[in-house]
Amino acid sequence: MLGEFEYLLLSAAARLGEGAYGAAIRREIEGATKRRCSIGALYTTLDRLEAKGLVRTWMGDSTPQRGGRPKRMVRVTGEGVQEAKAFYRAVNRASRGVSWAADRTRGSS
């Protein structure tokens, strides 16, 4: 099963589609989670997902905006889509019957 950060990365890459590359994925994750995303953690996870066959990466064209450096482009594979769906379904099943209400006074320590 995927880990939380792997799922977030796959979801961000899928949402970005053709525009999925490292920095854009990082912005998507930070926007969704409201937490900082280390670029090192992102690329380590991206390497792991690629080794598992869940994403494919390649170097895109270099751009003047990036000082001539190319972007590492990302595409979620069919297997990656299936793994993300399985993770999402598992979280939904595990959450059935649980109310995560905004009222933090009940059930918190």
PDB file of N, CA and C in Angstrom:
ATOM      1  N   MET A   1       0.845  -1.183   0.000  1.00  0.00           N
ATOM      2  CA  MET A   1       0.000   0.000   0.000  1.00  0.00           C
ATOM      3  C   MET A   1       0.887   1.243   0.000  1.00  0.00           C
ATOM      4  N   LEU A   2       0.385   2.281  -0.627  1.00  0.00           N
ATOM      5  CA  LEU A   2       1.082   3.554  -0.676  1.00  0.00           C
ATOM      6  C   LEU A   2       1.154   4.193   0.702  1.00  0.00           C
ATOM      7  N   GLY A   3       2.146   5.038   0.886  1.00  0.00           N
ATOM      8  CA  GLY A   3       2.200   5.896   2.054  1.00  0.00           C
ATOM      9  C   GLY A   3       1.472   7.200   1.744  1.00  0.00           C
ATOM     10  N   GLU A   4       1.205   7.965   2.777  1.00  0.00           N
ATOM     11  CA  GLU A   4       0.475   9.223   2.619  1.00  0.00           C
ATOM     12  C   GLU A   4       1.154  10.161   1.626  1.00  0.00           C
ATOM     13  N   PHE A   5       2.473  10.350   1.762  1.00  0.00           N
ATOM     14  CA  PHE A   5       3.171  11.300   0.899  1.00  0.00           C
ATOM     15  C   PHE A   5       3.213  10.786  -0.542  1.00  0.00           C
ATOM     16  N   GLU A   6       3.346   9.473  -0.703  1.00  0.00           N
ATOM     17  CA  GLU A   6       3.312   8.902  -2.055  1.00  0.00           C
ATOM     18  C   GLU A   6       1.961   9.199  -2.707  1.00  0.00           C
ATOM     19  N   TYR A   7       0.885   9.030  -1.948  1.00  0.00           N
ATOM     20  CA  TYR A   7      -0.449   9.314  -2.463  1.00  0.00           C
ATOM     21  C   TYR A   7      -0.585  10.796  -2.838  1.00  0.00           C
ATOM     22  N   LEU A   8      -0.103  11.677  -1.975  1.00  0.00           N
ATOM     23  CA  LEU A   8      -0.168  13.109  -2.265  1.00  0.00           C
ATOM     24  C   LEU A   8       0.591  13.445  -3.542  1.00  0.00           C
ATOM     25  N   LEU A   9       1.761  12.845  -3.722  1.00  0.00           N
ATOM     26  CA  LEU A   9       2.561  13.102  -4.914  1.00  0.00           C
ATOM     27  C   LEU A   9       1.852  12.589  -6.165  1.00  0.00           C
ATOM     28  N   LEU A  10       1.313  11.371  -6.114  1.00  0.00           N
ATOM     29  CA  LEU A  10       0.578  10.835  -7.260  1.00  0.00           C
ATOM     30  C   LEU A  10      -0.634  11.696  -7.592  1.00  0.00           C
ATOM     31  N   SER A  11      -1.361  12.120  -6.568  1.00  0.00           N
ATOM     32  CA  SER A  11      -2.545  12.955  -6.784  1.00  0.00           C
ATOM     33  C   SER A  11      -2.171  14.284  -7.421  1.00  0.00           C
ATOM     34  N   ALA A  12      -1.112  14.905  -6.936  1.00  0.00           N
ATOM     35  CA  ALA A  12      -0.676  16.185  -7.497  1.00  0.00           C
ATOM     36  C   ALA A  12      -0.237  16.019  -8.949  1.00  0.00           C
ATOM     37  N   ALA A  13       0.524  14.973  -9.233  1.00  0.00           N
ATOM     38  CA  ALA A  13       0.990  14.740 -10.604  1.00  0.00           C
ATOM     39  C   ALA A  13      -0.191  14.473 -11.534  1.00  0.00           C
ATOM     40  N   ALA A  14      -1.161  13.705 -11.074  1.00  0.00           N
ATOM     41  CA  ALA A  14      -2.343  13.418 -11.891  1.00  0.00           C
ATOM     42  C   ALA A  14      -3.136  14.700 -12.148  1.00  0.00           C
ATOM     43  N   ARG A  15      -3.295  15.525 -11.119  1.00  0.00           N
ATOM     44  CA  ARG A  15      -4.045  16.778 -11.252  1.00  0.00           C
ATOM     45  C   ARG A  15      -3.350  17.721 -12.241  1.00  0.00           C
ATOM     46  N   LEU A  16      -2.025  17.758 -12.227  1.00  0.00           N
ATOM     47  CA  LEU A  16      -1.271  18.651 -13.107  1.00  0.00           C
ATOM     48  C   LEU A  16      -1.204  18.155 -14.548  1.00  0.00           C
ATOM     49  N   GLY A  17      -1.354  16.862 -14.745  1.00  0.00           N
ATOM     50  CA  GLY A  17      -1.335  16.306 -16.102  1.00  0.00           C
ATOM     51  C   GLY A  17      -0.033  16.591 -16.826  1.00  0.00           C
ATOM     52  N   GLU A  18      -0.140  17.173 -18.018  1.00  0.00           N
ATOM     53  CA  GLU A  18       1.041  17.457 -18.850  1.00  0.00           C
ATOM     54  C   GLU A  18       1.990  18.454 -18.192  1.00  0.00           C
ATOM     55  N   GLY A  19       1.515  19.218 -17.234  1.00  0.00           N
ATOM     56  CA  GLY A  19       2.342  20.210 -16.557  1.00  0.00           C
ATOM     57  C   GLY A  19       2.989  19.700 -15.281  1.00  0.00           C
ATOM     58  N   ALA A  20       3.019  18.367 -15.099  1.00  0.00           N
ATOM     59  CA  ALA A  20       3.565  17.799 -13.861  1.00  0.00           C
ATOM     60  C   ALA A  20       5.084  17.726 -13.927  1.00  0.00           C
ATOM     61  N   TYR A  21       5.728  18.484 -13.065  1.00  0.00           N
ATOM     62  CA  TYR A  21       7.185  18.417 -12.880  1.00  0.00           C
ATOM     63  C   TYR A  21       7.467  18.766 -11.431  1.00  0.00           C
ATOM     64  N   GLY A  22       8.681  18.527 -10.978  1.00  0.00           N
ATOM     65  CA  GLY A  22       9.032  18.631  -9.571  1.00  0.00           C
ATOM     66  C   GLY A  22       8.501  19.839  -8.832  1.00  0.00           C
ATOM     67  N   ALA A  23       8.853  21.039  -9.291  1.00  0.00           N
ATOM     68  CA  ALA A  23       8.462  22.255  -8.565  1.00  0.00           C
ATOM     69  C   ALA A  23       6.948  22.455  -8.557  1.00  0.00           C
ATOM     70  N   ALA A  24       6.278  22.135  -9.657  1.00  0.00           N
ATOM     71  CA  ALA A  24       4.821  22.292  -9.717  1.00  0.00           C
ATOM     72  C   ALA A  24       4.139  21.294  -8.776  1.00  0.00           C
ATOM     73  N   ILE A  25       4.650  20.073  -8.722  1.00  0.00           N
ATOM     74  CA  ILE A  25       4.108  19.064  -7.808  1.00  0.00           C
ATOM     75  C   ILE A  25       4.278  19.528  -6.369  1.00  0.00           C
ATOM     76  N   ARG A  26       5.438  20.074  -6.074  1.00  0.00           N
ATOM     77  CA  ARG A  26       5.708  20.581  -4.720  1.00  0.00           C
ATOM     78  C   ARG A  26       4.689  21.655  -4.339  1.00  0.00           C
ATOM     79  N   ARG A  27       4.423  22.599  -5.237  1.00  0.00           N
ATOM     80  CA  ARG A  27       3.444  23.662  -4.967  1.00  0.00           C
ATOM     81  C   ARG A  27       2.051  23.073  -4.737  1.00  0.00           C
ATOM     82  N   GLU A  28       1.674  22.077  -5.535  1.00  0.00           N
ATOM     83  CA  GLU A  28       0.371  21.439  -5.378  1.00  0.00           C
ATOM     84  C   GLU A  28       0.242  20.781  -4.002  1.00  0.00           C
ATOM     85  N   ILE A  29       1.280  20.058  -3.595  1.00  0.00           N
ATOM     86  CA  ILE A  29       1.245  19.377  -2.297  1.00  0.00           C
ATOM     87  C   ILE A  29       1.169  20.391  -1.168  1.00  0.00           C
ATOM     88  N   GLU A  30       1.987  21.446  -1.246  1.00  0.00           N
ATOM     89  CA  GLU A  30       1.966  22.469  -0.206  1.00  0.00           C
ATOM     90  C   GLU A  30       0.613  23.171  -0.147  1.00  0.00           C
ATOM     91  N   GLY A  31      -0.005  23.425  -1.295  1.00  0.00           N
ATOM     92  CA  GLY A  31      -1.319  24.055  -1.330  1.00  0.00           C
ATOM     93  C   GLY A  31      -2.394  23.173  -0.733  1.00  0.00           C
ATOM     94  N   ALA A  32      -2.309  21.876  -1.000  1.00  0.00           N
ATOM     95  CA  ALA A  32      -3.325  20.940  -0.504  1.00  0.00           C
ATOM     96  C   ALA A  32      -3.184  20.659   0.981  1.00  0.00           C
ATOM     97  N   THR A  33      -1.947  20.574   1.462  1.00  0.00           N
ATOM     98  CA  THR A  33      -1.717  20.176   2.852  1.00  0.00           C
ATOM     99  C   THR A  33      -1.488  21.354   3.795  1.00  0.00           C
ATOM    100  N   LYS A  34      -1.184  22.510   3.222  1.00  0.00           N
ATOM    101  CA  LYS A  34      -0.825  23.696   4.023  1.00  0.00           C
ATOM    102  C   LYS A  34       0.410  23.424   4.883  1.00  0.00           C
ATOM    103  N   ARG A  35       1.284  22.542   4.383  1.00  0.00           N
ATOM    104  CA  ARG A  35       2.553  22.229   5.056  1.00  0.00           C
ATOM    105  C   ARG A  35       3.677  22.358   4.043  1.00  0.00           C
ATOM    106  N   ARG A  36       4.886  22.631   4.555  1.00  0.00           N
ATOM    107  CA  ARG A  36       6.056  22.695   3.681  1.00  0.00           C
ATOM    108  C   ARG A  36       6.371  21.314   3.148  1.00  0.00           C
ATOM    109  N   CYS A  37       6.838  21.286   1.932  1.00  0.00           N
ATOM    110  CA  CYS A  37       7.226  20.043   1.280  1.00  0.00           C
ATOM    111  C   CYS A  37       8.693  20.160   0.910  1.00  0.00           C
ATOM    112  N   SER A  38       9.530  19.371   1.524  1.00  0.00           N
ATOM    113  CA  SER A  38      10.957  19.382   1.242  1.00  0.00           C
ATOM    114  C   SER A  38      11.201  18.869  -0.172  1.00  0.00           C
ATOM    115  N   ILE A  39      12.015  19.588  -0.927  1.00  0.00           N
ATOM    116  CA  ILE A  39      12.335  19.160  -2.294  1.00  0.00           C
ATOM    117  C   ILE A  39      13.087  17.829  -2.265  1.00  0.00           C
ATOM    118  N   GLY A  40      13.893  17.610  -1.217  1.00  0.00           N
ATOM    119  CA  GLY A  40      14.599  16.336  -1.083  1.00  0.00           C
ATOM    120  C   GLY A  40      13.637  15.179  -0.884  1.00  0.00           C
ATOM    121  N   ALA A  41      12.631  15.374  -0.027  1.00  0.00           N
ATOM    122  CA  ALA A  41      11.619  14.336   0.200  1.00  0.00           C
ATOM    123  C   ALA A  41      10.835  14.080  -1.072  1.00  0.00           C
ATOM    124  N   LEU A  42      10.533  15.149  -1.807  1.00  0.00           N
ATOM    125  CA  LEU A  42       9.779  14.996  -3.041  1.00  0.00           C
ATOM    126  C   LEU A  42      10.553  14.131  -4.041  1.00  0.00           C
ATOM    127  N   TYR A  43      11.822  14.448  -4.275  1.00  0.00           N
ATOM    128  CA  TYR A  43      12.590  13.697  -5.277  1.00  0.00           C
ATOM    129  C   TYR A  43      12.930  12.285  -4.807  1.00  0.00           C
ATOM    130  N   THR A  44      13.130  12.087  -3.518  1.00  0.00           N
ATOM    131  CA  THR A  44      13.350  10.733  -2.993  1.00  0.00           C
ATOM    132  C   THR A  44      12.102   9.885  -3.218  1.00  0.00           C
ATOM    133  N   THR A  45      10.940  10.461  -2.940  1.00  0.00           N
ATOM    134  CA  THR A  45       9.679   9.751  -3.131  1.00  0.00           C
ATOM    135  C   THR A  45       9.410   9.518  -4.615  1.00  0.00           C
ATOM    136  N   LEU A  46       9.718  10.497  -5.435  1.00  0.00           N
ATOM    137  CA  LEU A  46       9.547  10.354  -6.875  1.00  0.00           C
ATOM    138  C   LEU A  46      10.408   9.201  -7.408  1.00  0.00           C
ATOM    139  N   ASP A  47      11.651   9.116  -6.940  1.00  0.00           N
ATOM    140  CA  ASP A  47      12.534   8.001  -7.340  1.00  0.00           C
ATOM    141  C   ASP A  47      11.948   6.656  -6.918  1.00  0.00           C
ATOM    142  N   ARG A  48      11.411   6.609  -5.695  1.00  0.00           N
ATOM    143  CA  ARG A  48      10.827   5.369  -5.183  1.00  0.00           C
ATOM    144  C   ARG A  48       9.596   4.969  -6.001  1.00  0.00           C
ATOM    145  N   LEU A  49       8.742   5.937  -6.320  1.00  0.00           N
ATOM    146  CA  LEU A  49       7.553   5.648  -7.116  1.00  0.00           C
ATOM    147  C   LEU A  49       7.933   5.191  -8.520  1.00  0.00           C
ATOM    148  N   GLU A  50       8.983   5.761  -9.065  1.00  0.00           N
ATOM    149  CA  GLU A  50       9.430   5.347 -10.402  1.00  0.00           C
ATOM    150  C   GLU A  50       9.983   3.925 -10.363  1.00  0.00           C
ATOM    151  N   ALA A  51      10.731   3.602  -9.311  1.00  0.00           N
ATOM    152  CA  ALA A  51      11.277   2.240  -9.165  1.00  0.00           C
ATOM    153  C   ALA A  51      10.152   1.211  -9.043  1.00  0.00           C
ATOM    154  N   LYS A  52       9.028   1.614  -8.445  1.00  0.00           N
ATOM    155  CA  LYS A  52       7.867   0.732  -8.290  1.00  0.00           C
ATOM    156  C   LYS A  52       7.025   0.668  -9.567  1.00  0.00           C
ATOM    157  N   GLY A  53       7.341   1.510 -10.554  1.00  0.00           N
ATOM    158  CA  GLY A  53       6.584   1.537 -11.793  1.00  0.00           C
ATOM    159  C   GLY A  53       5.298   2.337 -11.716  1.00  0.00           C
ATOM    160  N   LEU A  54       5.175   3.206 -10.707  1.00  0.00           N
ATOM    161  CA  LEU A  54       3.941   3.966 -10.509  1.00  0.00           C
ATOM    162  C   LEU A  54       3.967   5.321 -11.214  1.00  0.00           C
ATOM    163  N   VAL A  55       5.150   5.809 -11.531  1.00  0.00           N
ATOM    164  CA  VAL A  55       5.313   7.023 -12.339  1.00  0.00           C
ATOM    165  C   VAL A  55       6.438   6.783 -13.338  1.00  0.00           C
ATOM    166  N   ARG A  56       6.420   7.591 -14.372  1.00  0.00           N
ATOM    167  CA  ARG A  56       7.527   7.616 -15.319  1.00  0.00           C
ATOM    168  C   ARG A  56       8.019   9.052 -15.357  1.00  0.00           C
ATOM    169  N   THR A  57       9.339   9.242 -15.344  1.00  0.00           N
ATOM    170  CA  THR A  57       9.886  10.595 -15.420  1.00  0.00           C
ATOM    171  C   THR A  57      10.853  10.692 -16.598  1.00  0.00           C
ATOM    172  N   TRP A  58      11.028  11.914 -17.068  1.00  0.00           N
ATOM    173  CA  TRP A  58      11.985  12.198 -18.122  1.00  0.00           C
ATOM    174  C   TRP A  58      12.357  13.671 -18.024  1.00  0.00           C
ATOM    175  N   MET A  59      13.475  14.019 -18.619  1.00  0.00           N
ATOM    176  CA  MET A  59      13.912  15.408 -18.578  1.00  0.00           C
ATOM    177  C   MET A  59      13.284  16.159 -19.748  1.00  0.00           C
ATOM    178  N   GLY A  60      12.585  17.239 -19.410  1.00  0.00           N
ATOM    179  CA  GLY A  60      11.954  18.079 -20.426  1.00  0.00           C
ATOM    180  C   GLY A  60      12.959  19.065 -20.994  1.00  0.00           C
ATOM    181  N   ASP A  61      12.468  19.994 -21.760  1.00  0.00           N
ATOM    182  CA  ASP A  61      13.329  21.017 -22.360  1.00  0.00           C
ATOM    183  C   ASP A  61      13.821  21.989 -21.289  1.00  0.00           C
ATOM    184  N   SER A  62      14.987  22.544 -21.528  1.00  0.00           N
ATOM    185  CA  SER A  62      15.486  23.574 -20.611  1.00  0.00           C
ATOM    186  C   SER A  62      14.778  24.884 -20.953  1.00  0.00           C
ATOM    187  N   THR A  63      14.613  25.709 -19.928  1.00  0.00           N
ATOM    188  CA  THR A  63      13.910  26.982 -20.120  1.00  0.00           C
ATOM    189  C   THR A  63      14.743  28.126 -19.571  1.00  0.00           C
ATOM    190  N   PRO A  64      14.656  29.297 -20.193  1.00  0.00           N
ATOM    191  CA  PRO A  64      15.397  30.458 -19.695  1.00  0.00           C
ATOM    192  C   PRO A  64      14.973  30.844 -18.269  1.00  0.00           C
ATOM    193  N   GLN A  65      13.670  30.634 -17.934  1.00  0.00           N
ATOM    194  CA  GLN A  65      13.176  30.979 -16.608  1.00  0.00           C
ATOM    195  C   GLN A  65      13.865  30.146 -15.527  1.00  0.00           C
ATOM    196  N   ARG A  66      14.372  28.975 -15.895  1.00  0.00           N
ATOM    197  CA  ARG A  66      15.030  28.080 -14.942  1.00  0.00           C
ATOM    198  C   ARG A  66      16.549  28.129 -15.111  1.00  0.00           C
ATOM    199  N   GLY A  67      17.042  29.194 -15.713  1.00  0.00           N
ATOM    200  CA  GLY A  67      18.488  29.339 -15.892  1.00  0.00           C
ATOM    201  C   GLY A  67      19.063  28.287 -16.841  1.00  0.00           C
ATOM    202  N   GLY A  68      18.247  27.830 -17.773  1.00  0.00           N
ATOM    203  CA  GLY A  68      18.706  26.837 -18.739  1.00  0.00           C
ATOM    204  C   GLY A  68      18.609  25.395 -18.257  1.00  0.00           C
ATOM    205  N   ARG A  69      18.110  25.209 -17.032  1.00  0.00           N
ATOM    206  CA  ARG A  69      17.980  23.841 -16.504  1.00  0.00           C
ATOM    207  C   ARG A  69      16.690  23.205 -17.010  1.00  0.00           C
ATOM    208  N   PRO A  70      16.725  21.917 -17.331  1.00  0.00           N
ATOM    209  CA  PRO A  70      15.501  21.240 -17.767  1.00  0.00           C
ATOM    210  C   PRO A  70      14.621  20.862 -16.577  1.00  0.00           C
ATOM    211  N   LYS A  71      13.338  20.665 -16.845  1.00  0.00           N
ATOM    212  CA  LYS A  71      12.391  20.217 -15.824  1.00  0.00           C
ATOM    213  C   LYS A  71      12.356  18.691 -15.831  1.00  0.00           C
ATOM    214  N   ARG A  72      12.206  18.082 -14.657  1.00  0.00           N
ATOM    215  CA  ARG A  72      11.983  16.640 -14.571  1.00  0.00           C
ATOM    216  C   ARG A  72      10.468  16.427 -14.630  1.00  0.00           C
ATOM    217  N   MET A  73      10.022  15.987 -15.781  1.00  0.00           N
ATOM    218  CA  MET A  73       8.598  15.799 -16.028  1.00  0.00           C
ATOM    219  C   MET A  73       8.139  14.470 -15.431  1.00  0.00           C
ATOM    220  N   VAL A  74       6.864  14.406 -15.049  1.00  0.00           N
ATOM    221  CA  VAL A  74       6.327  13.234 -14.358  1.00  0.00           C
ATOM    222  C   VAL A  74       4.989  12.840 -14.984  1.00  0.00           C
ATOM    223  N   ARG A  75       4.809  11.554 -15.177  1.00  0.00           N
ATOM    224  CA  ARG A  75       3.520  11.023 -15.626  1.00  0.00           C
ATOM    225  C   ARG A  75       3.159   9.830 -14.763  1.00  0.00           C
ATOM    226  N   VAL A  76       1.945   9.797 -14.253  1.00  0.00           N
ATOM    227  CA  VAL A  76       1.458   8.676 -13.455  1.00  0.00           C
ATOM    228  C   VAL A  76       1.124   7.540 -14.430  1.00  0.00           C
ATOM    229  N   THR A  77       1.614   6.346 -14.150  1.00  0.00           N
ATOM    230  CA  THR A  77       1.338   5.186 -14.996  1.00  0.00           C
ATOM    231  C   THR A  77      -0.026   4.598 -14.644  1.00  0.00           C
ATOM    232  N   GLY A  78      -0.494   3.665 -15.458  1.00  0.00           N
ATOM    233  CA  GLY A  78      -1.742   2.969 -15.160  1.00  0.00           C
ATOM    234  C   GLY A  78      -1.688   2.265 -13.824  1.00  0.00           C
ATOM    235  N   GLU A  79      -0.540   1.663 -13.526  1.00  0.00           N
ATOM    236  CA  GLU A  79      -0.370   0.999 -12.226  1.00  0.00           C
ATOM    237  C   GLU A  79      -0.423   2.019 -11.090  1.00  0.00           C
ATOM    238  N   GLY A  80       0.136   3.214 -11.325  1.00  0.00           N
ATOM    239  CA  GLY A  80       0.085   4.279 -10.321  1.00  0.00           C
ATOM    240  C   GLY A  80      -1.337   4.726 -10.047  1.00  0.00           C
ATOM    241  N   VAL A  81      -2.140   4.821 -11.103  1.00  0.00           N
ATOM    242  CA  VAL A  81      -3.554   5.182 -10.946  1.00  0.00           C
ATOM    243  C   VAL A  81      -4.257   4.134 -10.094  1.00  0.00           C
ATOM    244  N   GLN A  82      -4.020   2.864 -10.374  1.00  0.00           N
ATOM    245  CA  GLN A  82      -4.670   1.785  -9.619  1.00  0.00           C
ATOM    246  C   GLN A  82      -4.260   1.810  -8.148  1.00  0.00           C
ATOM    247  N   GLU A  83      -2.979   2.028  -7.873  1.00  0.00           N
ATOM    248  CA  GLU A  83      -2.500   2.094  -6.482  1.00  0.00           C
ATOM    249  C   GLU A  83      -3.107   3.281  -5.743  1.00  0.00           C
ATOM    250  N   ALA A  84      -3.211   4.431  -6.422  1.00  0.00           N
ATOM    251  CA  ALA A  84      -3.812   5.613  -5.794  1.00  0.00           C
ATOM    252  C   ALA A  84      -5.288   5.363  -5.499  1.00  0.00           C
ATOM    253  N   LYS A  85      -5.992   4.724  -6.430  1.00  0.00           N
ATOM    254  CA  LYS A  85      -7.403   4.402  -6.198  1.00  0.00           C
ATOM    255  C   LYS A  85      -7.556   3.461  -5.004  1.00  0.00           C
ATOM    256  N   ALA A  86      -6.679   2.463  -4.912  1.00  0.00           N
ATOM    257  CA  ALA A  86      -6.745   1.499  -3.806  1.00  0.00           C
ATOM    258  C   ALA A  86      -6.498   2.205  -2.471  1.00  0.00           C
ATOM    259  N   PHE A  87      -5.538   3.122  -2.424  1.00  0.00           N
ATOM    260  CA  PHE A  87      -5.251   3.873  -1.199  1.00  0.00           C
ATOM    261  C   PHE A  87      -6.476   4.704  -0.812  1.00  0.00           C
ATOM    262  N   TYR A  88      -7.051   5.402  -1.785  1.00  0.00           N
ATOM    263  CA  TYR A  88      -8.213   6.250  -1.533  1.00  0.00           C
ATOM    264  C   TYR A  88      -9.379   5.423  -1.000  1.00  0.00           C
ATOM    265  N   ARG A  89      -9.632   4.279  -1.604  1.00  0.00           N
ATOM    266  CA  ARG A  89     -10.719   3.409  -1.137  1.00  0.00           C
ATOM    267  C   ARG A  89     -10.452   2.916   0.281  1.00  0.00           C
ATOM    268  N   ALA A  90      -9.197   2.557   0.588  1.00  0.00           N
ATOM    269  CA  ALA A  90      -8.856   2.076   1.931  1.00  0.00           C
ATOM    270  C   ALA A  90      -9.073   3.159   2.974  1.00  0.00           C
ATOM    271  N   VAL A  91      -8.688   4.386   2.673  1.00  0.00           N
ATOM    272  CA  VAL A  91      -8.896   5.499   3.620  1.00  0.00           C
ATOM    273  C   VAL A  91     -10.385   5.728   3.820  1.00  0.00           C
ATOM    274  N   ASN A  92     -11.157   5.664   2.752  1.00  0.00           N
ATOM    275  CA  ASN A  92     -12.611   5.836   2.887  1.00  0.00           C
ATOM    276  C   ASN A  92     -13.222   4.732   3.735  1.00  0.00           C
ATOM    277  N   ARG A  93     -12.820   3.476   3.511  1.00  0.00           N
ATOM    278  CA  ARG A  93     -13.347   2.371   4.323  1.00  0.00           C
ATOM    279  C   ARG A  93     -12.960   2.548   5.784  1.00  0.00           C
ATOM    280  N   ALA A  94     -11.719   2.928   6.039  1.00  0.00           N
ATOM    281  CA  ALA A  94     -11.243   3.093   7.411  1.00  0.00           C
ATOM    282  C   ALA A  94     -11.941   4.252   8.115  1.00  0.00           C
ATOM    283  N   SER A  95     -12.465   5.191   7.341  1.00  0.00           N
ATOM    284  CA  SER A  95     -13.091   6.389   7.907  1.00  0.00           C
ATOM    285  C   SER A  95     -14.595   6.253   8.095  1.00  0.00           C
ATOM    286  N   ARG A  96     -15.179   5.171   7.608  1.00  0.00           N
ATOM    287  CA  ARG A  96     -16.638   5.005   7.738  1.00  0.00           C
ATOM    288  C   ARG A  96     -17.056   5.032   9.200  1.00  0.00           C
ATOM    289  N   GLY A  97     -18.093   5.801   9.471  1.00  0.00           N
ATOM    290  CA  GLY A  97     -18.642   5.864  10.816  1.00  0.00           C
ATOM    291  C   GLY A  97     -17.895   6.811  11.747  1.00  0.00           C
ATOM    292  N   VAL A  98     -16.890   7.480  11.232  1.00  0.00           N
ATOM    293  CA  VAL A  98     -16.118   8.420  12.046  1.00  0.00           C
ATOM    294  C   VAL A  98     -16.514   9.833  11.643  1.00  0.00           C
ATOM    295  N   SER A  99     -16.806  10.647  12.623  1.00  0.00           N
ATOM    296  CA  SER A  99     -17.150  12.035  12.339  1.00  0.00           C
ATOM    297  C   SER A  99     -15.951  12.915  12.696  1.00  0.00           C
ATOM    298  N   TRP A 100     -15.399  13.542  11.694  1.00  0.00           N
ATOM    299  CA  TRP A 100     -14.263  14.452  11.918  1.00  0.00           C
ATOM    300  C   TRP A 100     -14.803  15.875  11.935  1.00  0.00           C
ATOM    301  N   ALA A 101     -15.731  16.135  12.847  1.00  0.00           N
ATOM    302  CA  ALA A 101     -16.376  17.439  12.947  1.00  0.00           C
ATOM    303  C   ALA A 101     -15.365  18.511  13.328  1.00  0.00           C
ATOM    304  N   ALA A 102     -15.695  19.740  12.975  1.00  0.00           N
ATOM    305  CA  ALA A 102     -14.823  20.865  13.282  1.00  0.00           C
ATOM    306  C   ALA A 102     -14.778  21.190  14.765  1.00  0.00           C
ATOM    307  N   ASP A 103     -15.756  20.685  15.514  1.00  0.00           N
ATOM    308  CA  ASP A 103     -15.796  20.931  16.949  1.00  0.00           C
ATOM    309  C   ASP A 103     -14.674  20.140  17.616  1.00  0.00           C
ATOM    310  N   ARG A 104     -13.615  20.815  18.033  1.00  0.00           N
ATOM    311  CA  ARG A 104     -12.448  20.159  18.600  1.00  0.00           C
ATOM    312  C   ARG A 104     -12.581  19.919  20.108  1.00  0.00           C
ATOM    313  N   THR A 105     -13.718  20.304  20.694  1.00  0.00           N
ATOM    314  CA  THR A 105     -13.855  20.126  22.148  1.00  0.00           C
ATOM    315  C   THR A 105     -14.245  18.716  22.517  1.00  0.00           C
ATOM    316  N   ARG A 106     -14.859  17.977  21.591  1.00  0.00           N
ATOM    317  CA  ARG A 106     -15.269  16.603  21.888  1.00  0.00           C
ATOM    318  C   ARG A 106     -14.212  15.635  21.371  1.00  0.00           C
ATOM    319  N   GLY A 107     -13.901  14.639  22.170  1.00  0.00           N
ATOM    320  CA  GLY A 107     -13.026  13.566  21.745  1.00  0.00           C
ATOM    321  C   GLY A 107     -11.583  13.935  21.572  1.00  0.00           C
ATOM    322  N   SER A 108     -11.166  15.113  22.002  1.00  0.00           N
ATOM    323  CA  SER A 108      -9.755  15.474  21.886  1.00  0.00           C
ATOM    324  C   SER A 108      -9.133  15.510  23.261  1.00  0.00           C
ATOM    325  N   SER A 109      -7.852  15.284  23.303  1.00  0.00           N
ATOM    326  CA  SER A 109      -7.184  15.311  24.615  1.00  0.00           C
ATOM    327  C   SER A 109      -6.327  16.533  24.770  1.00  0.00           C
TER     328      SER A 109
END
